[in-house]
Amino acid sequence: MLRMTLAMTVALAGLPAALAQGADIGQIKVAKGAVTIERGGQSVATAPGTRLHASDVVRTGSDGSVGITMTDNSLLSAGPNSVLALDRYEFDSTTNAGHFDASLRRGTLAVVSGRLAKQSPDAMIVHTPLAVLGVRGTEFVVSAR
């Protein structure tokens, strides 16, 4: 019995790391037109309710737009012909601490920041081909061509 308990303890010790790798960081709330997610080298069609993971790349087509809600309640909206990479996302729902790095490679992005940026104004960064935005307010819109 002791051997089995020890084996289960060792097995469960690695569980949080495994869950963090594929952990949900948000979800698609609205998807219109062509919207896909690139994950692990594969392109996946999306629909409202699709869960997002860190390192996902969200793409919209010429007729596409997407609304995303992150786990810290940040709201992101990308317009047509957009490519948004969710580079890094860590959020502790107890302390509201963490980091959110995203890259708008092309298109438009509107953001209403959530608990993460309100707790730590330096915690949210959006990269574009020409600039890096540090989120200091609660709402902004950015375009990248």
N, C-alpha and C. Protein backbone atom coordinates (compact mmCIF):
# COMPACT_ATOMS: atom_id res chain seq x y z
N MET A 1 0.83 -1.19 0.00
CA MET A 1 0.00 0.00 0.00
C MET A 1 0.88 1.26 0.00
N LEU A 2 1.93 1.25 0.83
CA LEU A 2 2.84 2.39 0.89
C LEU A 2 3.52 2.60 -0.47
N ARG A 3 3.90 1.50 -1.13
CA ARG A 3 4.55 1.59 -2.43
C ARG A 3 3.59 2.21 -3.45
N MET A 4 2.32 1.82 -3.43
CA MET A 4 1.33 2.36 -4.35
C MET A 4 1.09 3.84 -4.07
N THR A 5 1.00 4.24 -2.83
CA THR A 5 0.81 5.64 -2.46
C THR A 5 1.98 6.49 -2.91
N LEU A 6 3.20 5.97 -2.72
CA LEU A 6 4.39 6.69 -3.16
C LEU A 6 4.41 6.83 -4.67
N ALA A 7 4.04 5.77 -5.38
CA ALA A 7 4.01 5.82 -6.85
C ALA A 7 2.98 6.84 -7.33
N MET A 8 1.82 6.88 -6.70
CA MET A 8 0.79 7.85 -7.09
C MET A 8 1.24 9.27 -6.79
N THR A 9 1.91 9.48 -5.67
CA THR A 9 2.41 10.81 -5.31
C THR A 9 3.42 11.29 -6.34
N VAL A 10 4.33 10.41 -6.75
CA VAL A 10 5.33 10.77 -7.76
C VAL A 10 4.65 11.07 -9.10
N ALA A 11 3.67 10.26 -9.47
CA ALA A 11 2.97 10.46 -10.74
C ALA A 11 2.19 11.77 -10.74
N LEU A 12 1.53 12.07 -9.63
CA LEU A 12 0.73 13.29 -9.55
C LEU A 12 1.58 14.55 -9.43
N ALA A 13 2.82 14.42 -8.99
CA ALA A 13 3.69 15.59 -8.84
C ALA A 13 3.94 16.27 -10.18
N GLY A 14 3.98 15.52 -11.27
CA GLY A 14 4.19 16.10 -12.60
C GLY A 14 2.92 16.59 -13.25
N LEU A 15 1.77 16.35 -12.65
CA LEU A 15 0.50 16.71 -13.25
C LEU A 15 0.32 18.20 -13.49
N PRO A 16 0.61 19.11 -12.53
CA PRO A 16 0.40 20.53 -12.80
C PRO A 16 1.19 21.03 -14.00
N ALA A 17 2.42 20.58 -14.18
CA ALA A 17 3.22 21.00 -15.33
C ALA A 17 2.58 20.52 -16.62
N ALA A 18 2.08 19.31 -16.63
CA ALA A 18 1.45 18.77 -17.83
C ALA A 18 0.18 19.55 -18.15
N LEU A 19 -0.61 19.86 -17.13
CA LEU A 19 -1.83 20.62 -17.36
C LEU A 19 -1.52 22.04 -17.84
N ALA A 20 -0.47 22.65 -17.33
CA ALA A 20 -0.13 24.02 -17.71
C ALA A 20 0.22 24.12 -19.18
N GLN A 21 0.85 23.07 -19.75
CA GLN A 21 1.24 23.11 -21.15
C GLN A 21 0.04 23.21 -22.07
N GLY A 22 -1.06 22.53 -21.74
CA GLY A 22 -2.24 22.55 -22.58
C GLY A 22 -3.39 23.30 -21.94
N ALA A 23 -3.08 24.13 -20.96
CA ALA A 23 -4.12 24.81 -20.19
C ALA A 23 -4.86 25.84 -21.04
N ASP A 24 -6.16 25.92 -20.80
CA ASP A 24 -6.97 26.93 -21.48
C ASP A 24 -6.60 28.31 -20.96
N ILE A 25 -6.38 29.25 -21.87
CA ILE A 25 -6.08 30.62 -21.47
C ILE A 25 -7.21 31.57 -21.83
N GLY A 26 -8.16 31.07 -22.57
CA GLY A 26 -9.30 31.87 -23.00
C GLY A 26 -10.13 31.07 -23.97
N GLN A 27 -11.11 31.76 -24.57
CA GLN A 27 -11.94 31.06 -25.54
C GLN A 27 -12.49 32.03 -26.57
N ILE A 28 -12.85 31.47 -27.71
CA ILE A 28 -13.50 32.23 -28.77
C ILE A 28 -14.94 32.46 -28.32
N LYS A 29 -15.35 33.72 -28.26
CA LYS A 29 -16.73 34.04 -27.89
C LYS A 29 -17.58 34.28 -29.13
N VAL A 30 -16.97 34.92 -30.16
CA VAL A 30 -17.68 35.23 -31.40
C VAL A 30 -16.72 34.96 -32.55
N ALA A 31 -17.20 34.28 -33.58
CA ALA A 31 -16.40 34.06 -34.79
C ALA A 31 -17.31 34.25 -35.99
N LYS A 32 -16.91 35.14 -36.89
CA LYS A 32 -17.68 35.40 -38.11
C LYS A 32 -16.75 35.22 -39.30
N GLY A 33 -17.26 34.59 -40.34
CA GLY A 33 -16.45 34.36 -41.53
C GLY A 33 -15.34 33.35 -41.24
N ALA A 34 -14.24 33.48 -41.98
CA ALA A 34 -13.12 32.55 -41.84
C ALA A 34 -12.27 32.90 -40.63
N VAL A 35 -12.23 31.99 -39.65
CA VAL A 35 -11.39 32.15 -38.46
C VAL A 35 -10.76 30.79 -38.16
N THR A 36 -9.43 30.75 -38.07
CA THR A 36 -8.73 29.51 -37.76
C THR A 36 -7.72 29.75 -36.65
N ILE A 37 -7.31 28.65 -36.04
CA ILE A 37 -6.25 28.67 -35.02
C ILE A 37 -5.15 27.76 -35.53
N GLU A 38 -3.92 28.25 -35.45
CA GLU A 38 -2.77 27.38 -35.72
C GLU A 38 -2.24 26.93 -34.37
N ARG A 39 -2.19 25.60 -34.21
CA ARG A 39 -1.72 25.02 -32.95
C ARG A 39 -0.87 23.79 -33.27
N GLY A 40 0.36 23.81 -32.84
CA GLY A 40 1.23 22.66 -33.06
C GLY A 40 1.43 22.34 -34.53
N GLY A 41 1.49 23.36 -35.37
CA GLY A 41 1.73 23.14 -36.80
C GLY A 41 0.49 22.76 -37.59
N GLN A 42 -0.68 22.73 -36.95
CA GLN A 42 -1.91 22.38 -37.64
C GLN A 42 -2.88 23.55 -37.59
N SER A 43 -3.68 23.68 -38.64
CA SER A 43 -4.70 24.72 -38.70
C SER A 43 -6.04 24.09 -38.33
N VAL A 44 -6.73 24.71 -37.37
CA VAL A 44 -7.99 24.18 -36.85
C VAL A 44 -9.08 25.24 -37.04
N ALA A 45 -10.20 24.84 -37.62
CA ALA A 45 -11.34 25.75 -37.74
C ALA A 45 -11.89 26.03 -36.35
N THR A 46 -12.45 27.22 -36.17
CA THR A 46 -12.96 27.58 -34.85
C THR A 46 -14.45 27.87 -34.89
N ALA A 47 -15.02 27.90 -33.72
CA ALA A 47 -16.41 28.26 -33.51
C ALA A 47 -16.49 28.84 -32.11
N PRO A 48 -17.56 29.56 -31.79
CA PRO A 48 -17.71 30.04 -30.42
C PRO A 48 -17.58 28.87 -29.44
N GLY A 49 -16.80 29.10 -28.38
CA GLY A 49 -16.56 28.07 -27.38
C GLY A 49 -15.22 27.37 -27.55
N THR A 50 -14.55 27.56 -28.70
CA THR A 50 -13.24 26.95 -28.90
C THR A 50 -12.27 27.49 -27.86
N ARG A 51 -11.58 26.60 -27.17
CA ARG A 51 -10.62 26.98 -26.13
C ARG A 51 -9.28 27.32 -26.76
N LEU A 52 -8.62 28.32 -26.19
CA LEU A 52 -7.32 28.77 -26.67
C LEU A 52 -6.22 28.37 -25.71
N HIS A 53 -5.03 28.14 -26.25
CA HIS A 53 -3.86 27.79 -25.46
C HIS A 53 -2.75 28.79 -25.76
N ALA A 54 -1.80 28.92 -24.82
CA ALA A 54 -0.63 29.76 -25.07
C ALA A 54 0.08 29.22 -26.31
N SER A 55 0.59 30.10 -27.13
CA SER A 55 1.28 29.81 -28.39
C SER A 55 0.33 29.59 -29.55
N ASP A 56 -0.98 29.67 -29.36
CA ASP A 56 -1.90 29.62 -30.49
C ASP A 56 -1.74 30.86 -31.34
N VAL A 57 -2.00 30.71 -32.64
CA VAL A 57 -2.03 31.85 -33.56
C VAL A 57 -3.43 31.88 -34.15
N VAL A 58 -4.12 33.00 -33.97
CA VAL A 58 -5.49 33.17 -34.45
C VAL A 58 -5.43 33.95 -35.76
N ARG A 59 -6.06 33.40 -36.82
CA ARG A 59 -6.07 34.04 -38.14
C ARG A 59 -7.50 34.28 -38.58
N THR A 60 -7.74 35.45 -39.14
CA THR A 60 -9.04 35.75 -39.73
C THR A 60 -8.85 35.97 -41.23
N GLY A 61 -9.84 35.56 -42.00
CA GLY A 61 -9.81 35.77 -43.44
C GLY A 61 -10.35 37.14 -43.81
N SER A 62 -10.48 37.38 -45.10
CA SER A 62 -10.94 38.69 -45.57
C SER A 62 -12.37 38.99 -45.11
N ASP A 63 -13.15 37.94 -44.82
CA ASP A 63 -14.52 38.12 -44.32
C ASP A 63 -14.63 37.79 -42.83
N GLY A 64 -13.48 37.64 -42.15
CA GLY A 64 -13.50 37.13 -40.79
C GLY A 64 -13.31 38.18 -39.71
N SER A 65 -13.83 37.86 -38.55
CA SER A 65 -13.58 38.64 -37.33
C SER A 65 -13.77 37.68 -36.16
N VAL A 66 -13.11 38.01 -35.04
CA VAL A 66 -13.17 37.11 -33.89
C VAL A 66 -13.18 37.92 -32.60
N GLY A 67 -13.93 37.45 -31.64
CA GLY A 67 -13.95 38.02 -30.30
C GLY A 67 -13.48 36.96 -29.31
N ILE A 68 -12.51 37.33 -28.48
CA ILE A 68 -11.88 36.39 -27.56
C ILE A 68 -12.00 36.93 -26.13
N THR A 69 -12.31 36.05 -25.20
CA THR A 69 -12.29 36.39 -23.78
C THR A 69 -11.21 35.55 -23.12
N MET A 70 -10.25 36.22 -22.48
CA MET A 70 -9.16 35.53 -21.78
C MET A 70 -9.62 35.19 -20.36
N THR A 71 -8.88 34.34 -19.67
CA THR A 71 -9.28 33.91 -18.33
C THR A 71 -9.22 35.04 -17.30
N ASP A 72 -8.50 36.13 -17.59
CA ASP A 72 -8.48 37.28 -16.68
C ASP A 72 -9.56 38.29 -17.05
N ASN A 73 -10.43 37.93 -17.98
CA ASN A 73 -11.53 38.75 -18.48
C ASN A 73 -11.08 39.86 -19.43
N SER A 74 -9.86 39.78 -19.96
CA SER A 74 -9.47 40.67 -21.05
C SER A 74 -10.30 40.30 -22.27
N LEU A 75 -10.70 41.31 -23.04
CA LEU A 75 -11.48 41.10 -24.25
C LEU A 75 -10.64 41.52 -25.45
N LEU A 76 -10.51 40.65 -26.43
CA LEU A 76 -9.75 40.95 -27.63
C LEU A 76 -10.66 40.77 -28.84
N SER A 77 -10.60 41.71 -29.78
CA SER A 77 -11.36 41.60 -31.02
C SER A 77 -10.41 41.84 -32.18
N ALA A 78 -10.35 40.90 -33.10
CA ALA A 78 -9.50 41.03 -34.29
C ALA A 78 -10.41 41.12 -35.51
N GLY A 79 -10.06 42.05 -36.40
CA GLY A 79 -10.85 42.27 -37.61
C GLY A 79 -10.38 41.40 -38.76
N PRO A 80 -10.88 41.71 -39.97
CA PRO A 80 -10.52 40.94 -41.16
C PRO A 80 -9.01 40.95 -41.44
N ASN A 81 -8.55 39.86 -42.05
CA ASN A 81 -7.14 39.71 -42.45
C ASN A 81 -6.17 39.95 -41.30
N SER A 82 -6.48 39.44 -40.13
CA SER A 82 -5.62 39.63 -38.96
C SER A 82 -4.90 38.33 -38.61
N VAL A 83 -3.71 38.50 -38.06
CA VAL A 83 -2.93 37.38 -37.54
C VAL A 83 -2.47 37.78 -36.14
N LEU A 84 -3.00 37.11 -35.13
CA LEU A 84 -2.71 37.41 -33.73
C LEU A 84 -2.09 36.19 -33.07
N ALA A 85 -0.85 36.33 -32.61
CA ALA A 85 -0.17 35.23 -31.91
C ALA A 85 -0.26 35.47 -30.41
N LEU A 86 -0.74 34.48 -29.69
CA LEU A 86 -0.83 34.53 -28.23
C LEU A 86 0.47 33.92 -27.69
N ASP A 87 1.51 34.73 -27.68
CA ASP A 87 2.87 34.26 -27.42
C ASP A 87 3.07 33.69 -26.02
N ARG A 88 2.57 34.39 -25.03
CA ARG A 88 2.80 33.98 -23.63
C ARG A 88 1.61 34.43 -22.79
N TYR A 89 1.12 33.54 -21.96
CA TYR A 89 0.03 33.90 -21.07
C TYR A 89 0.14 33.10 -19.79
N GLU A 90 0.31 33.81 -18.71
CA GLU A 90 0.33 33.22 -17.38
C GLU A 90 -0.57 34.09 -16.51
N PHE A 91 -1.50 33.46 -15.80
CA PHE A 91 -2.41 34.23 -14.97
C PHE A 91 -2.77 33.45 -13.72
N ASP A 92 -2.56 34.07 -12.57
CA ASP A 92 -2.92 33.49 -11.28
C ASP A 92 -4.22 34.16 -10.85
N SER A 93 -5.31 33.41 -10.87
CA SER A 93 -6.63 33.99 -10.57
C SER A 93 -6.78 34.40 -9.11
N THR A 94 -5.90 33.92 -8.24
CA THR A 94 -5.96 34.31 -6.83
C THR A 94 -5.33 35.69 -6.62
N THR A 95 -4.17 35.91 -7.23
CA THR A 95 -3.44 37.18 -7.02
C THR A 95 -3.60 38.16 -8.18
N ASN A 96 -4.16 37.69 -9.30
CA ASN A 96 -4.29 38.47 -10.54
C ASN A 96 -2.93 38.82 -11.14
N ALA A 97 -1.89 38.12 -10.74
CA ALA A 97 -0.55 38.36 -11.27
C ALA A 97 -0.31 37.47 -12.49
N GLY A 98 0.65 37.88 -13.32
CA GLY A 98 1.03 37.07 -14.47
C GLY A 98 1.62 37.91 -15.58
N HIS A 99 1.60 37.35 -16.79
CA HIS A 99 2.14 38.02 -17.97
C HIS A 99 1.28 37.67 -19.17
N PHE A 100 1.13 38.63 -20.07
CA PHE A 100 0.39 38.39 -21.32
C PHE A 100 1.15 39.10 -22.42
N ASP A 101 1.78 38.32 -23.29
CA ASP A 101 2.48 38.84 -24.46
C ASP A 101 1.79 38.32 -25.70
N ALA A 102 1.42 39.23 -26.58
CA ALA A 102 0.78 38.86 -27.84
C ALA A 102 1.47 39.61 -28.98
N SER A 103 1.34 39.07 -30.18
CA SER A 103 1.92 39.73 -31.36
C SER A 103 0.84 39.87 -32.42
N LEU A 104 0.56 41.10 -32.79
CA LEU A 104 -0.34 41.36 -33.91
C LEU A 104 0.55 41.48 -35.15
N ARG A 105 0.60 40.43 -35.92
CA ARG A 105 1.48 40.40 -37.09
C ARG A 105 0.89 41.15 -38.27
N ARG A 106 -0.45 41.16 -38.32
CA ARG A 106 -1.15 41.85 -39.41
C ARG A 106 -2.60 42.05 -38.98
N GLY A 107 -3.20 43.14 -39.43
CA GLY A 107 -4.62 43.37 -39.19
C GLY A 107 -4.89 44.38 -38.10
N THR A 108 -6.05 44.22 -37.47
CA THR A 108 -6.48 45.15 -36.43
C THR A 108 -6.84 44.38 -35.16
N LEU A 109 -6.60 45.05 -34.04
CA LEU A 109 -6.89 44.44 -32.75
C LEU A 109 -7.42 45.51 -31.81
N ALA A 110 -8.55 45.24 -31.19
CA ALA A 110 -9.09 46.09 -30.13
C ALA A 110 -9.03 45.29 -28.83
N VAL A 111 -8.62 45.96 -27.76
CA VAL A 111 -8.44 45.27 -26.47
C VAL A 111 -9.09 46.08 -25.35
N VAL A 112 -9.79 45.39 -24.49
CA VAL A 112 -10.22 45.92 -23.21
C VAL A 112 -9.52 45.04 -22.19
N SER A 113 -8.57 45.62 -21.46
CA SER A 113 -7.74 44.81 -20.56
C SER A 113 -8.56 44.31 -19.37
N GLY A 114 -8.10 43.19 -18.84
CA GLY A 114 -8.78 42.56 -17.71
C GLY A 114 -8.02 42.73 -16.42
N ARG A 115 -8.22 41.77 -15.53
CA ARG A 115 -7.65 41.85 -14.19
C ARG A 115 -6.12 41.86 -14.18
N LEU A 116 -5.50 41.17 -15.12
CA LEU A 116 -4.05 41.08 -15.16
C LEU A 116 -3.41 42.46 -15.34
N ALA A 117 -3.83 43.21 -16.34
CA ALA A 117 -3.25 44.53 -16.60
C ALA A 117 -3.65 45.54 -15.53
N LYS A 118 -4.81 45.36 -14.94
CA LYS A 118 -5.22 46.27 -13.87
C LYS A 118 -4.39 46.05 -12.61
N GLN A 119 -4.01 44.80 -12.35
CA GLN A 119 -3.17 44.47 -11.20
C GLN A 119 -1.73 44.93 -11.41
N SER A 120 -1.20 44.65 -12.61
CA SER A 120 0.21 44.96 -12.93
C SER A 120 0.26 45.60 -14.31
N PRO A 121 0.31 46.93 -14.38
CA PRO A 121 0.28 47.61 -15.67
C PRO A 121 1.38 47.18 -16.64
N ASP A 122 2.48 46.66 -16.15
CA ASP A 122 3.57 46.22 -17.03
C ASP A 122 3.39 44.78 -17.51
N ALA A 123 2.33 44.11 -17.12
CA ALA A 123 2.18 42.69 -17.39
C ALA A 123 1.66 42.37 -18.79
N MET A 124 1.09 43.32 -19.49
CA MET A 124 0.51 43.06 -20.81
C MET A 124 1.27 43.83 -21.87
N ILE A 125 1.75 43.10 -22.88
CA ILE A 125 2.52 43.71 -23.98
C ILE A 125 1.99 43.18 -25.30
N VAL A 126 1.81 44.07 -26.26
CA VAL A 126 1.42 43.68 -27.61
C VAL A 126 2.51 44.14 -28.58
N HIS A 127 3.06 43.19 -29.31
CA HIS A 127 4.08 43.47 -30.31
C HIS A 127 3.42 43.64 -31.67
N THR A 128 3.91 44.57 -32.46
CA THR A 128 3.51 44.72 -33.86
C THR A 128 4.80 44.72 -34.68
N PRO A 129 4.70 44.64 -36.00
CA PRO A 129 5.93 44.65 -36.81
C PRO A 129 6.78 45.91 -36.60
N LEU A 130 6.17 47.03 -36.20
CA LEU A 130 6.91 48.28 -36.08
C LEU A 130 7.01 48.83 -34.66
N ALA A 131 6.28 48.25 -33.71
CA ALA A 131 6.27 48.83 -32.37
C ALA A 131 5.95 47.76 -31.32
N VAL A 132 6.25 48.11 -30.07
CA VAL A 132 5.86 47.29 -28.92
C VAL A 132 5.02 48.18 -28.02
N LEU A 133 3.81 47.71 -27.71
CA LEU A 133 2.88 48.48 -26.88
C LEU A 133 2.85 47.91 -25.48
N GLY A 134 3.14 48.74 -24.51
CA GLY A 134 2.94 48.37 -23.11
C GLY A 134 1.58 48.89 -22.70
N VAL A 135 0.72 48.02 -22.23
CA VAL A 135 -0.66 48.41 -21.92
C VAL A 135 -0.67 49.13 -20.57
N ARG A 136 -1.05 50.39 -20.59
CA ARG A 136 -1.12 51.17 -19.36
C ARG A 136 -2.56 51.58 -19.03
N GLY A 137 -3.40 51.56 -20.03
CA GLY A 137 -4.80 51.92 -19.82
C GLY A 137 -5.68 50.70 -19.83
N THR A 138 -6.94 50.91 -20.08
CA THR A 138 -7.86 49.78 -20.06
C THR A 138 -8.35 49.41 -21.45
N GLU A 139 -8.28 50.35 -22.41
CA GLU A 139 -8.77 50.07 -23.76
C GLU A 139 -7.81 50.65 -24.78
N PHE A 140 -7.62 49.91 -25.88
CA PHE A 140 -6.85 50.45 -26.99
C PHE A 140 -7.16 49.68 -28.27
N VAL A 141 -6.82 50.32 -29.39
CA VAL A 141 -6.96 49.71 -30.71
C VAL A 141 -5.64 49.90 -31.42
N VAL A 142 -5.20 48.85 -32.14
CA VAL A 142 -3.94 48.93 -32.87
C VAL A 142 -4.14 48.26 -34.23
N SER A 143 -3.39 48.78 -35.21
CA SER A 143 -3.45 48.23 -36.56
C SER A 143 -2.04 47.95 -37.04
N ALA A 144 -1.85 46.84 -37.73
CA ALA A 144 -0.55 46.48 -38.30
C ALA A 144 -0.76 46.05 -39.74
N ARG A 145 0.04 46.58 -40.61
CA ARG A 145 -0.08 46.26 -42.05
C ARG A 145 1.05 45.42 -42.51
